[in-house]
N, C-alpha and C. Protein backbone atom coordinates (compact mmCIF):
# COMPACT_ATOMS: atom_id res chain seq x y z
N MET A 1 139.91 130.44 -8.78
CA MET A 1 140.27 131.74 -8.40
C MET A 1 141.86 132.09 -8.04
N THR A 2 142.19 133.44 -8.79
CA THR A 2 143.41 133.81 -8.86
C THR A 2 143.81 134.54 -7.59
N VAL A 3 145.20 134.42 -7.03
CA VAL A 3 145.70 135.11 -5.83
C VAL A 3 146.53 135.85 -6.36
N THR A 4 146.45 137.34 -5.98
CA THR A 4 147.43 138.23 -6.22
C THR A 4 148.05 138.79 -4.77
N ASN A 5 149.27 138.70 -4.70
CA ASN A 5 150.19 139.29 -3.80
C ASN A 5 149.64 140.87 -3.63
N ALA A 6 149.58 141.57 -2.73
CA ALA A 6 149.74 142.96 -2.69
C ALA A 6 151.08 143.19 -2.79
N LYS A 7 151.19 144.24 -3.54
CA LYS A 7 152.47 144.98 -3.51
C LYS A 7 152.53 146.41 -2.82
N TRP A 8 153.87 146.59 -2.32
CA TRP A 8 154.18 147.80 -1.29
C TRP A 8 155.08 148.58 -2.06
N THR A 9 155.04 149.92 -2.20
CA THR A 9 156.17 150.81 -2.42
C THR A 9 157.07 151.08 -1.42
N ILE A 10 158.04 151.59 -1.66
CA ILE A 10 158.98 151.88 -0.31
C ILE A 10 158.38 152.79 0.49
N ASP A 11 157.68 153.87 -0.15
CA ASP A 11 157.01 155.11 0.79
C ASP A 11 155.98 154.22 1.86
N GLU A 12 155.17 153.25 0.90
CA GLU A 12 154.52 152.49 1.81
C GLU A 12 155.14 151.76 2.80
N TYR A 13 156.03 151.34 2.57
CA TYR A 13 156.71 150.29 3.48
C TYR A 13 157.34 151.30 4.76
N HIS A 14 157.88 152.49 4.31
CA HIS A 14 158.36 153.55 5.30
C HIS A 14 157.25 153.52 6.17
N GLN A 15 156.17 154.16 5.50
CA GLN A 15 154.78 154.50 6.67
C GLN A 15 154.67 153.58 7.40
N MET A 16 154.68 152.06 7.09
CA MET A 16 154.40 151.04 7.89
C MET A 16 155.29 150.84 9.23
N ILE A 17 156.81 151.27 8.49
CA ILE A 17 157.61 151.23 9.76
C ILE A 17 157.33 152.43 10.62
N ASP A 18 157.09 153.60 10.30
CA ASP A 18 157.03 154.84 10.99
C ASP A 18 155.69 154.52 11.91
N ALA A 19 154.89 153.81 11.54
CA ALA A 19 153.38 153.59 12.39
C ALA A 19 153.61 152.30 13.46
N GLY A 20 154.78 151.81 13.16
CA GLY A 20 155.31 150.53 14.27
C GLY A 20 154.41 149.46 13.89
N ILE A 21 154.05 149.46 12.62
CA ILE A 21 153.22 148.01 12.08
C ILE A 21 154.13 146.61 12.25
N LEU A 22 155.49 147.18 11.83
CA LEU A 22 156.57 146.04 11.53
C LEU A 22 157.53 146.18 12.74
N ARG A 23 157.29 146.79 13.97
CA ARG A 23 158.20 146.90 14.92
C ARG A 23 158.85 145.54 15.30
N ASP A 24 158.11 144.72 15.33
CA ASP A 24 158.61 143.33 16.31
C ASP A 24 159.01 141.98 15.14
N ARG A 25 158.93 142.69 13.90
CA ARG A 25 159.17 141.67 12.70
C ARG A 25 160.35 141.98 12.14
N GLN A 26 161.27 140.76 11.87
CA GLN A 26 162.35 140.90 11.00
C GLN A 26 162.04 140.68 9.60
N VAL A 27 162.16 141.80 8.83
CA VAL A 27 161.39 141.76 7.55
C VAL A 27 162.22 142.94 6.92
N GLU A 28 162.22 142.60 5.22
CA GLU A 28 162.78 143.38 4.31
C GLU A 28 161.88 143.52 3.15
N LEU A 29 161.76 144.67 2.28
CA LEU A 29 161.08 144.88 1.21
C LEU A 29 161.91 144.28 -0.28
N LEU A 30 161.36 143.04 -0.81
CA LEU A 30 161.88 142.62 -1.86
C LEU A 30 161.02 142.63 -3.23
N LYS A 31 161.32 143.73 -3.97
CA LYS A 31 160.39 143.69 -5.26
C LYS A 31 158.89 144.07 -4.78
N GLY A 32 158.64 144.84 -4.02
CA GLY A 32 157.22 145.37 -3.49
C GLY A 32 156.74 144.28 -2.11
N GLU A 33 157.35 143.18 -2.11
CA GLU A 33 156.60 142.15 -1.24
C GLU A 33 157.45 142.16 0.20
N ILE A 34 156.86 142.20 1.42
CA ILE A 34 157.59 142.23 2.62
C ILE A 34 157.99 140.80 2.95
N VAL A 35 159.18 140.46 3.11
CA VAL A 35 159.55 139.12 3.03
C VAL A 35 160.23 138.86 4.40
N GLU A 36 159.82 138.01 5.22
CA GLU A 36 160.52 137.40 6.61
C GLU A 36 162.13 137.18 6.36
N MET A 37 162.96 137.90 7.16
CA MET A 37 164.17 137.72 7.17
C MET A 37 164.73 136.46 8.18
N SER A 38 165.50 135.34 7.87
CA SER A 38 166.03 134.24 8.52
C SER A 38 166.87 134.92 9.74
N PRO A 39 166.30 134.15 10.87
CA PRO A 39 167.38 134.49 12.07
C PRO A 39 168.50 134.24 11.75
N GLU A 40 169.59 135.10 12.52
CA GLU A 40 170.83 134.93 12.36
C GLU A 40 171.77 133.99 13.34
N GLY A 41 172.05 132.95 12.98
CA GLY A 41 172.89 131.99 13.64
C GLY A 41 173.96 132.32 14.13
N GLU A 42 174.83 131.80 14.87
CA GLU A 42 176.18 131.97 15.65
C GLU A 42 177.15 132.10 14.35
N PRO A 43 177.17 131.24 13.44
CA PRO A 43 178.32 131.31 12.42
C PRO A 43 178.00 132.34 11.33
N HIS A 44 176.59 132.75 11.10
CA HIS A 44 176.33 133.92 10.39
C HIS A 44 176.73 135.05 10.96
N ALA A 45 176.57 135.44 12.64
CA ALA A 45 176.62 136.70 13.01
C ALA A 45 178.36 136.77 13.13
N TYR A 46 178.91 135.79 13.73
CA TYR A 46 180.29 135.92 13.65
C TYR A 46 181.21 136.10 12.29
N CYS A 47 180.87 135.13 11.35
CA CYS A 47 181.69 135.66 10.15
C CYS A 47 181.15 136.90 9.47
N SER A 48 179.80 137.29 9.45
CA SER A 48 179.85 138.70 8.91
C SER A 48 180.41 139.85 9.86
N ASP A 49 180.32 139.55 11.13
CA ASP A 49 180.97 140.69 11.92
C ASP A 49 182.46 140.64 11.70
N GLU A 50 183.33 139.44 11.80
CA GLU A 50 184.61 139.52 11.47
C GLU A 50 184.87 139.88 10.20
N ALA A 51 184.10 139.81 8.93
CA ALA A 51 184.46 139.98 7.61
C ALA A 51 184.72 141.80 7.40
N GLY A 52 183.26 142.20 8.06
CA GLY A 52 182.87 143.69 8.30
C GLY A 52 184.20 144.36 8.92
N GLU A 53 184.77 143.95 10.24
CA GLU A 53 185.83 144.56 10.77
C GLU A 53 187.14 144.30 9.75
N TYR A 54 187.36 143.23 9.04
CA TYR A 54 188.45 143.09 8.15
C TYR A 54 188.27 144.19 7.25
N LEU A 55 187.24 144.28 6.55
CA LEU A 55 187.01 145.29 5.39
C LEU A 55 187.11 146.66 5.70
N ALA A 56 186.67 146.95 7.04
CA ALA A 56 186.86 148.18 7.75
C ALA A 56 188.24 148.60 7.49
N ASN A 57 189.18 147.78 8.29
CA ASN A 57 190.59 148.08 8.58
C ASN A 57 191.06 148.24 7.04
N LEU A 58 190.81 147.19 5.95
CA LEU A 58 191.42 147.39 4.78
C LEU A 58 191.05 148.72 3.99
N LEU A 59 189.64 149.13 3.90
CA LEU A 59 189.13 150.28 3.25
C LEU A 59 189.84 151.75 4.06
N GLY A 60 189.89 151.52 5.35
CA GLY A 60 190.03 152.76 5.97
C GLY A 60 189.11 153.84 5.66
N ASP A 61 189.42 154.98 4.95
CA ASP A 61 188.49 156.01 4.68
C ASP A 61 187.93 156.21 3.50
N MET A 62 188.23 155.15 2.53
CA MET A 62 187.87 154.93 1.17
C MET A 62 186.50 154.75 1.15
N ALA A 63 185.84 153.97 2.17
CA ALA A 63 184.54 153.52 2.12
C ALA A 63 184.09 153.52 3.63
N LYS A 64 183.02 153.37 3.62
CA LYS A 64 182.08 152.94 5.11
C LYS A 64 181.23 151.46 4.89
N ILE A 65 181.86 150.88 5.99
CA ILE A 65 180.84 149.45 6.07
C ILE A 65 179.87 149.66 6.88
N ARG A 66 178.75 149.01 6.22
CA ARG A 66 177.34 149.09 7.11
C ARG A 66 176.68 147.56 7.21
N GLN A 67 176.74 147.44 8.45
CA GLN A 67 176.35 145.97 8.46
C GLN A 67 174.87 145.72 8.96
N ALA A 68 174.01 145.02 8.20
CA ALA A 68 172.71 144.75 8.42
C ALA A 68 172.00 146.02 8.46
N LYS A 69 172.16 146.83 7.70
CA LYS A 69 171.59 148.20 7.33
C LYS A 69 170.76 148.10 6.20
N PRO A 70 169.62 148.85 6.17
CA PRO A 70 168.51 148.85 4.56
C PRO A 70 169.47 149.79 3.38
N ILE A 71 169.29 149.08 2.29
CA ILE A 71 169.66 150.21 1.17
C ILE A 71 168.26 150.28 0.51
N THR A 72 168.14 151.38 -0.24
CA THR A 72 167.12 151.51 -1.15
C THR A 72 167.55 151.60 -2.53
N LEU A 73 166.62 150.73 -2.94
CA LEU A 73 166.62 150.52 -4.50
C LEU A 73 165.46 150.67 -5.24
N PRO A 74 165.67 151.12 -6.75
CA PRO A 74 164.35 151.68 -7.45
C PRO A 74 163.61 150.71 -8.00
N ASN A 75 163.59 149.52 -7.83
CA ASN A 75 162.80 148.17 -7.75
C ASN A 75 162.01 148.03 -6.65
N ASP A 76 161.44 148.77 -5.77
CA ASP A 76 160.59 148.73 -4.67
C ASP A 76 161.31 147.63 -4.00
N SER A 77 162.45 147.72 -3.68
CA SER A 77 163.36 146.99 -2.59
C SER A 77 163.88 147.77 -1.71
N GLU A 78 163.78 147.23 -0.48
CA GLU A 78 164.79 147.82 0.40
C GLU A 78 165.55 146.90 1.40
N PRO A 79 166.21 145.86 0.85
CA PRO A 79 166.89 144.79 1.53
C PRO A 79 167.85 145.33 2.74
N GLU A 80 168.35 144.43 3.39
CA GLU A 80 169.21 144.61 4.38
C GLU A 80 170.39 143.77 4.12
N PRO A 81 171.27 143.77 3.44
CA PRO A 81 172.53 142.98 3.27
C PRO A 81 173.36 142.98 4.72
N ASP A 82 173.88 141.70 4.35
CA ASP A 82 175.01 141.65 5.82
C ASP A 82 175.86 142.50 5.75
N ILE A 83 176.40 143.12 4.54
CA ILE A 83 177.55 143.96 4.59
C ILE A 83 177.29 145.26 3.26
N ALA A 84 177.22 145.97 3.41
CA ALA A 84 177.25 146.94 2.49
C ALA A 84 178.35 148.00 2.29
N ILE A 85 179.12 147.72 1.20
CA ILE A 85 180.25 148.75 1.19
C ILE A 85 179.86 150.08 0.53
N VAL A 86 179.82 151.15 1.19
CA VAL A 86 179.18 152.40 0.59
C VAL A 86 180.32 153.67 0.44
N GLN A 87 179.59 154.63 -0.27
CA GLN A 87 180.34 156.10 -0.07
C GLN A 87 180.14 156.46 1.24
N ARG A 88 181.24 157.10 1.75
CA ARG A 88 181.11 157.92 2.72
C ARG A 88 180.40 159.16 2.80
N LEU A 89 179.27 159.40 3.06
CA LEU A 89 178.31 160.47 2.97
C LEU A 89 177.93 161.11 4.20
N GLY A 90 178.47 160.63 5.18
CA GLY A 90 178.21 161.21 6.57
C GLY A 90 176.71 161.04 6.77
N ARG A 91 176.51 162.63 7.27
CA ARG A 91 174.93 162.82 7.86
C ARG A 91 174.05 162.66 6.69
N GLU A 92 174.58 162.51 5.32
CA GLU A 92 173.51 162.35 4.66
C GLU A 92 172.43 160.99 4.63
N TYR A 93 173.19 160.13 5.30
CA TYR A 93 172.53 158.74 5.42
C TYR A 93 171.39 159.04 6.61
N ARG A 94 171.46 160.10 7.18
CA ARG A 94 170.15 160.54 8.07
C ARG A 94 169.03 160.64 7.35
N GLU A 95 169.12 161.08 6.21
CA GLU A 95 167.89 161.62 5.19
C GLU A 95 167.49 160.17 4.36
N HIS A 96 168.61 159.53 4.11
CA HIS A 96 168.20 158.42 3.18
C HIS A 96 169.14 157.25 3.18
N HIS A 97 168.60 156.05 2.98
CA HIS A 97 169.60 154.74 3.14
C HIS A 97 170.40 154.99 1.87
N PRO A 98 171.68 153.95 1.67
CA PRO A 98 172.31 154.28 0.52
C PRO A 98 171.63 153.64 -0.78
N TYR A 99 171.83 154.61 -1.83
CA TYR A 99 171.01 154.34 -3.18
C TYR A 99 171.80 153.61 -3.85
N PRO A 100 171.56 152.93 -5.19
CA PRO A 100 172.64 152.24 -5.83
C PRO A 100 174.06 152.99 -6.07
N GLU A 101 173.52 153.98 -6.75
CA GLU A 101 174.70 154.78 -6.89
C GLU A 101 175.82 155.12 -5.81
N ASN A 102 175.49 154.81 -4.54
CA ASN A 102 176.20 155.07 -3.21
C ASN A 102 176.89 153.67 -2.86
N ILE A 103 176.50 152.78 -3.62
CA ILE A 103 177.11 151.33 -3.43
C ILE A 103 178.32 150.68 -3.95
N PHE A 104 179.27 150.45 -3.52
CA PHE A 104 180.66 150.01 -4.35
C PHE A 104 180.13 148.25 -4.38
N TRP A 105 179.90 147.41 -3.17
CA TRP A 105 179.53 146.37 -3.29
C TRP A 105 178.69 145.83 -2.23
N LEU A 106 178.08 144.77 -2.45
CA LEU A 106 177.35 143.95 -1.21
C LEU A 106 177.40 142.84 -1.01
N ILE A 107 177.47 142.12 0.28
CA ILE A 107 177.91 140.78 0.84
C ILE A 107 176.65 140.32 1.60
N GLU A 108 176.26 138.98 1.07
CA GLU A 108 175.35 138.43 1.99
C GLU A 108 175.92 137.34 2.59
N TYR A 109 175.71 136.79 3.79
CA TYR A 109 176.04 135.48 4.23
C TYR A 109 174.80 134.36 4.30
N ALA A 110 174.95 133.21 3.84
CA ALA A 110 173.78 132.40 3.72
C ALA A 110 174.23 130.98 4.12
N ASN A 111 172.92 130.84 4.99
CA ASN A 111 172.95 129.38 5.50
C ASN A 111 171.67 128.68 5.10
N THR A 112 170.67 129.21 5.70
CA THR A 112 169.18 128.73 5.26
C THR A 112 168.88 129.73 4.34
N SER A 113 169.44 130.78 3.98
CA SER A 113 168.82 131.86 2.97
C SER A 113 169.50 131.78 1.72
N LEU A 114 170.24 130.84 1.39
CA LEU A 114 171.10 130.42 0.03
C LEU A 114 170.23 130.60 -0.91
N GLU A 115 169.31 129.93 -1.25
CA GLU A 115 168.49 130.21 -2.54
C GLU A 115 167.88 131.64 -2.90
N LYS A 116 167.44 132.43 -1.61
CA LYS A 116 166.82 133.64 -1.87
C LYS A 116 168.28 134.43 -2.08
N ASP A 117 169.22 134.29 -1.64
CA ASP A 117 170.50 135.21 -1.59
C ASP A 117 170.99 135.13 -3.21
N LEU A 118 171.12 134.01 -3.69
CA LEU A 118 171.33 133.35 -4.97
C LEU A 118 170.62 133.52 -6.24
N GLU A 119 168.97 133.43 -5.64
CA GLU A 119 168.24 133.70 -7.08
C GLU A 119 167.63 135.20 -6.88
N ILE A 120 167.11 135.44 -5.94
CA ILE A 120 165.99 136.44 -5.69
C ILE A 120 167.07 137.65 -5.88
N LYS A 121 167.81 137.76 -4.45
CA LYS A 121 168.37 138.95 -4.19
C LYS A 121 169.60 139.27 -5.62
N SER A 122 170.11 138.30 -6.02
CA SER A 122 171.08 138.55 -7.36
C SER A 122 170.37 139.21 -8.13
N LYS A 123 169.15 138.92 -8.76
CA LYS A 123 168.39 139.62 -9.38
C LYS A 123 168.17 141.01 -9.41
N ILE A 124 167.46 141.08 -7.98
CA ILE A 124 167.20 142.60 -7.49
C ILE A 124 168.40 143.35 -7.55
N TYR A 125 169.53 142.81 -7.17
CA TYR A 125 170.67 143.73 -6.95
C TYR A 125 171.28 144.13 -8.55
N ALA A 126 171.26 143.02 -9.40
CA ALA A 126 171.40 143.22 -10.76
C ALA A 126 170.66 144.30 -11.68
N GLN A 127 169.39 144.21 -11.26
CA GLN A 127 168.44 145.17 -11.88
C GLN A 127 168.77 146.56 -11.17
N ALA A 128 169.18 146.94 -10.13
CA ALA A 128 169.47 147.90 -9.46
C ALA A 128 170.92 148.34 -9.82
N GLY A 129 171.72 147.75 -10.69
CA GLY A 129 172.80 148.15 -11.29
C GLY A 129 174.14 148.08 -10.25
N ILE A 130 173.93 147.39 -9.19
CA ILE A 130 175.17 147.25 -8.24
C ILE A 130 176.13 146.41 -8.74
N PRO A 131 177.34 146.97 -8.97
CA PRO A 131 178.26 146.34 -9.90
C PRO A 131 178.91 144.97 -9.33
N GLU A 132 178.77 144.91 -7.96
CA GLU A 132 179.50 143.42 -7.70
C GLU A 132 178.50 143.04 -6.27
N TYR A 133 178.25 141.83 -6.37
CA TYR A 133 177.56 141.08 -5.12
C TYR A 133 178.23 139.47 -4.88
N TRP A 134 178.67 139.53 -3.52
CA TRP A 134 179.16 138.51 -3.26
C TRP A 134 178.31 137.67 -2.10
N VAL A 135 178.15 136.13 -2.34
CA VAL A 135 177.48 135.74 -1.30
C VAL A 135 178.35 134.65 -0.74
N VAL A 136 178.42 134.46 0.59
CA VAL A 136 179.13 133.37 1.26
C VAL A 136 178.24 132.42 1.65
N ASN A 137 178.71 130.96 1.25
CA ASN A 137 178.06 129.95 1.40
C ASN A 137 178.35 129.47 2.65
N LEU A 138 178.04 129.44 3.75
CA LEU A 138 178.50 129.15 5.37
C LEU A 138 178.46 127.62 5.47
N LYS A 139 177.52 126.88 4.54
CA LYS A 139 177.76 125.40 4.53
C LYS A 139 178.88 124.88 4.10
N LYS A 140 179.14 125.27 2.80
CA LYS A 140 180.52 124.93 2.02
C LYS A 140 181.72 125.75 2.13
N LEU A 141 181.44 127.08 3.06
CA LEU A 141 182.59 127.88 3.04
C LEU A 141 183.30 128.10 1.62
N HIS A 142 182.47 128.60 0.88
CA HIS A 142 182.96 129.18 -0.11
C HIS A 142 182.09 130.67 -0.72
N LEU A 143 183.03 131.47 -1.43
CA LEU A 143 182.47 132.94 -1.94
C LEU A 143 182.07 132.86 -3.35
N ILE A 144 181.11 133.15 -3.60
CA ILE A 144 180.38 133.04 -4.94
C ILE A 144 180.12 134.74 -5.03
N VAL A 145 180.81 135.13 -6.38
CA VAL A 145 181.10 136.49 -6.81
C VAL A 145 180.29 136.78 -8.09
N PHE A 146 179.50 137.73 -8.07
CA PHE A 146 178.67 138.21 -9.35
C PHE A 146 179.08 139.49 -9.62
N ARG A 147 179.45 139.83 -10.83
CA ARG A 147 179.89 141.06 -11.52
C ARG A 147 178.98 141.05 -12.56
N GLU A 148 179.13 142.39 -13.18
CA GLU A 148 178.85 142.94 -14.31
C GLU A 148 177.22 142.82 -14.52
N PRO A 149 176.56 143.54 -13.93
CA PRO A 149 174.85 143.56 -14.03
C PRO A 149 174.73 144.04 -15.43
N LEU A 150 173.52 143.13 -16.10
CA LEU A 150 172.98 143.34 -17.61
C LEU A 150 171.94 142.72 -17.76
N ASP A 151 171.03 143.78 -18.08
CA ASP A 151 169.35 143.20 -18.24
C ASP A 151 169.16 142.45 -17.05
N GLY A 152 169.07 142.75 -16.13
CA GLY A 152 168.62 142.29 -14.60
C GLY A 152 169.33 140.72 -14.30
N GLU A 153 170.45 140.70 -14.91
CA GLU A 153 171.32 139.52 -14.32
C GLU A 153 172.87 139.89 -14.09
N TYR A 154 173.39 139.27 -13.37
CA TYR A 154 174.72 139.20 -13.58
C TYR A 154 175.52 138.35 -14.32
N GLY A 155 176.24 139.18 -15.47
CA GLY A 155 176.92 138.41 -16.55
C GLY A 155 178.10 137.35 -16.00
N THR A 156 178.56 137.96 -14.91
CA THR A 156 179.74 137.01 -14.30
C THR A 156 179.63 136.45 -13.29
N LYS A 157 179.79 135.19 -13.07
CA LYS A 157 179.57 134.52 -11.67
C LYS A 157 180.71 133.56 -11.50
N PHE A 158 181.15 133.54 -10.57
CA PHE A 158 182.40 132.68 -10.29
C PHE A 158 182.49 132.28 -8.52
N THR A 159 183.38 131.19 -8.29
CA THR A 159 183.35 130.58 -6.89
C THR A 159 184.48 130.56 -6.44
N LEU A 160 185.06 131.11 -5.08
CA LEU A 160 186.10 131.11 -4.88
C LEU A 160 186.47 130.45 -3.17
N THR A 161 187.26 129.44 -3.03
CA THR A 161 187.80 128.92 -1.63
C THR A 161 188.42 129.50 -0.96
N SER A 162 189.46 130.26 -1.65
CA SER A 162 190.74 130.24 -1.10
C SER A 162 191.35 131.56 -2.08
N GLY A 163 192.53 132.09 -1.59
CA GLY A 163 193.11 132.93 -2.31
C GLY A 163 192.94 134.67 -2.19
N THR A 164 192.69 135.05 -3.59
CA THR A 164 192.69 136.65 -3.22
C THR A 164 191.51 137.15 -4.23
N ILE A 165 191.30 138.16 -3.92
CA ILE A 165 190.08 138.76 -4.95
C ILE A 165 190.16 140.22 -4.85
N GLN A 166 190.14 140.90 -6.08
CA GLN A 166 190.42 142.20 -5.99
C GLN A 166 188.93 143.13 -6.43
N PRO A 167 188.40 143.83 -5.42
CA PRO A 167 186.74 144.41 -5.56
C PRO A 167 187.05 145.38 -6.85
N LEU A 168 186.18 145.33 -7.58
CA LEU A 168 185.91 145.97 -8.62
C LEU A 168 186.01 147.54 -8.50
N ALA A 169 185.52 147.96 -7.48
CA ALA A 169 185.35 149.54 -7.09
C ALA A 169 187.02 149.79 -6.74
N PHE A 170 187.84 148.76 -6.05
CA PHE A 170 189.01 149.04 -5.56
C PHE A 170 189.99 148.14 -5.90
N PRO A 171 190.44 148.26 -7.35
CA PRO A 171 191.27 147.31 -7.93
C PRO A 171 192.83 146.85 -7.22
N ASP A 172 193.23 148.15 -6.49
CA ASP A 172 194.48 147.92 -6.05
C ASP A 172 194.33 147.20 -4.71
N MET A 173 193.19 146.94 -4.26
CA MET A 173 192.83 146.16 -2.88
C MET A 173 192.97 144.90 -3.11
N ILE A 174 193.71 144.20 -1.98
CA ILE A 174 193.66 142.73 -2.41
C ILE A 174 193.02 142.27 -1.17
N VAL A 175 191.91 141.42 -1.12
CA VAL A 175 190.92 141.02 -0.23
C VAL A 175 191.30 139.50 0.05
N GLU A 176 191.72 138.96 1.20
CA GLU A 176 191.82 137.33 1.25
C GLU A 176 190.63 136.80 1.58
N VAL A 177 190.49 136.06 0.65
CA VAL A 177 189.12 135.14 0.65
C VAL A 177 188.78 134.81 1.88
N GLU A 178 189.83 134.04 2.61
CA GLU A 178 189.61 133.25 3.81
C GLU A 178 189.07 134.17 4.91
N GLN A 179 189.44 135.42 5.00
CA GLN A 179 188.90 136.51 5.83
C GLN A 179 187.56 136.84 5.61
N ILE A 180 186.91 136.46 4.29
CA ILE A 180 185.42 136.61 4.24
C ILE A 180 184.66 135.75 4.49
N ILE A 181 185.27 134.34 4.22
CA ILE A 181 184.59 133.34 4.43
C ILE A 181 184.71 132.60 5.84
N ASN A 182 186.11 133.21 6.44
CA ASN A 182 186.48 132.65 8.05
C ASN A 182 186.23 131.40 8.11
N SER A 183 187.11 130.65 7.10
CA SER A 183 187.28 129.33 7.28
C SER A 183 188.32 128.65 8.29
């Protein structure tokens, strides 16, 4: 007997949310599958909150920081990255979550979800054309940077533990790695 998982579209997922079916569940839609999200421990909550505040101060009016809010991707995915750096579209976000063309880069903080963030989400984000994706490994306190999406994978991947990085979308901006990983 072959087992086939039921796949859901973004519209069907939104209907379930509107109907209250997923009310008490921490889930996200990844490639048509509803996936449980790991609970956020103290280091995760602290680090992502501090980094979001740091980036908001650095970026000012150039971009909006959305923390733990959905983004809508064309591959039947609606993940909730820890930090999404997006265009400032104001009230337009009342009508839709940010689409790939609205996203400058994404950041995930990973403790128990490291494999999902490095393997599954990196491919989902690359397929959607997200130009840059950062993963903070909370166990080792390092930043893994993915860039240059091509054919559903990122062409460039490197790891930083200190120093600075310049986001692709804002090449004149210098981000202190320690402020992102909160070491």
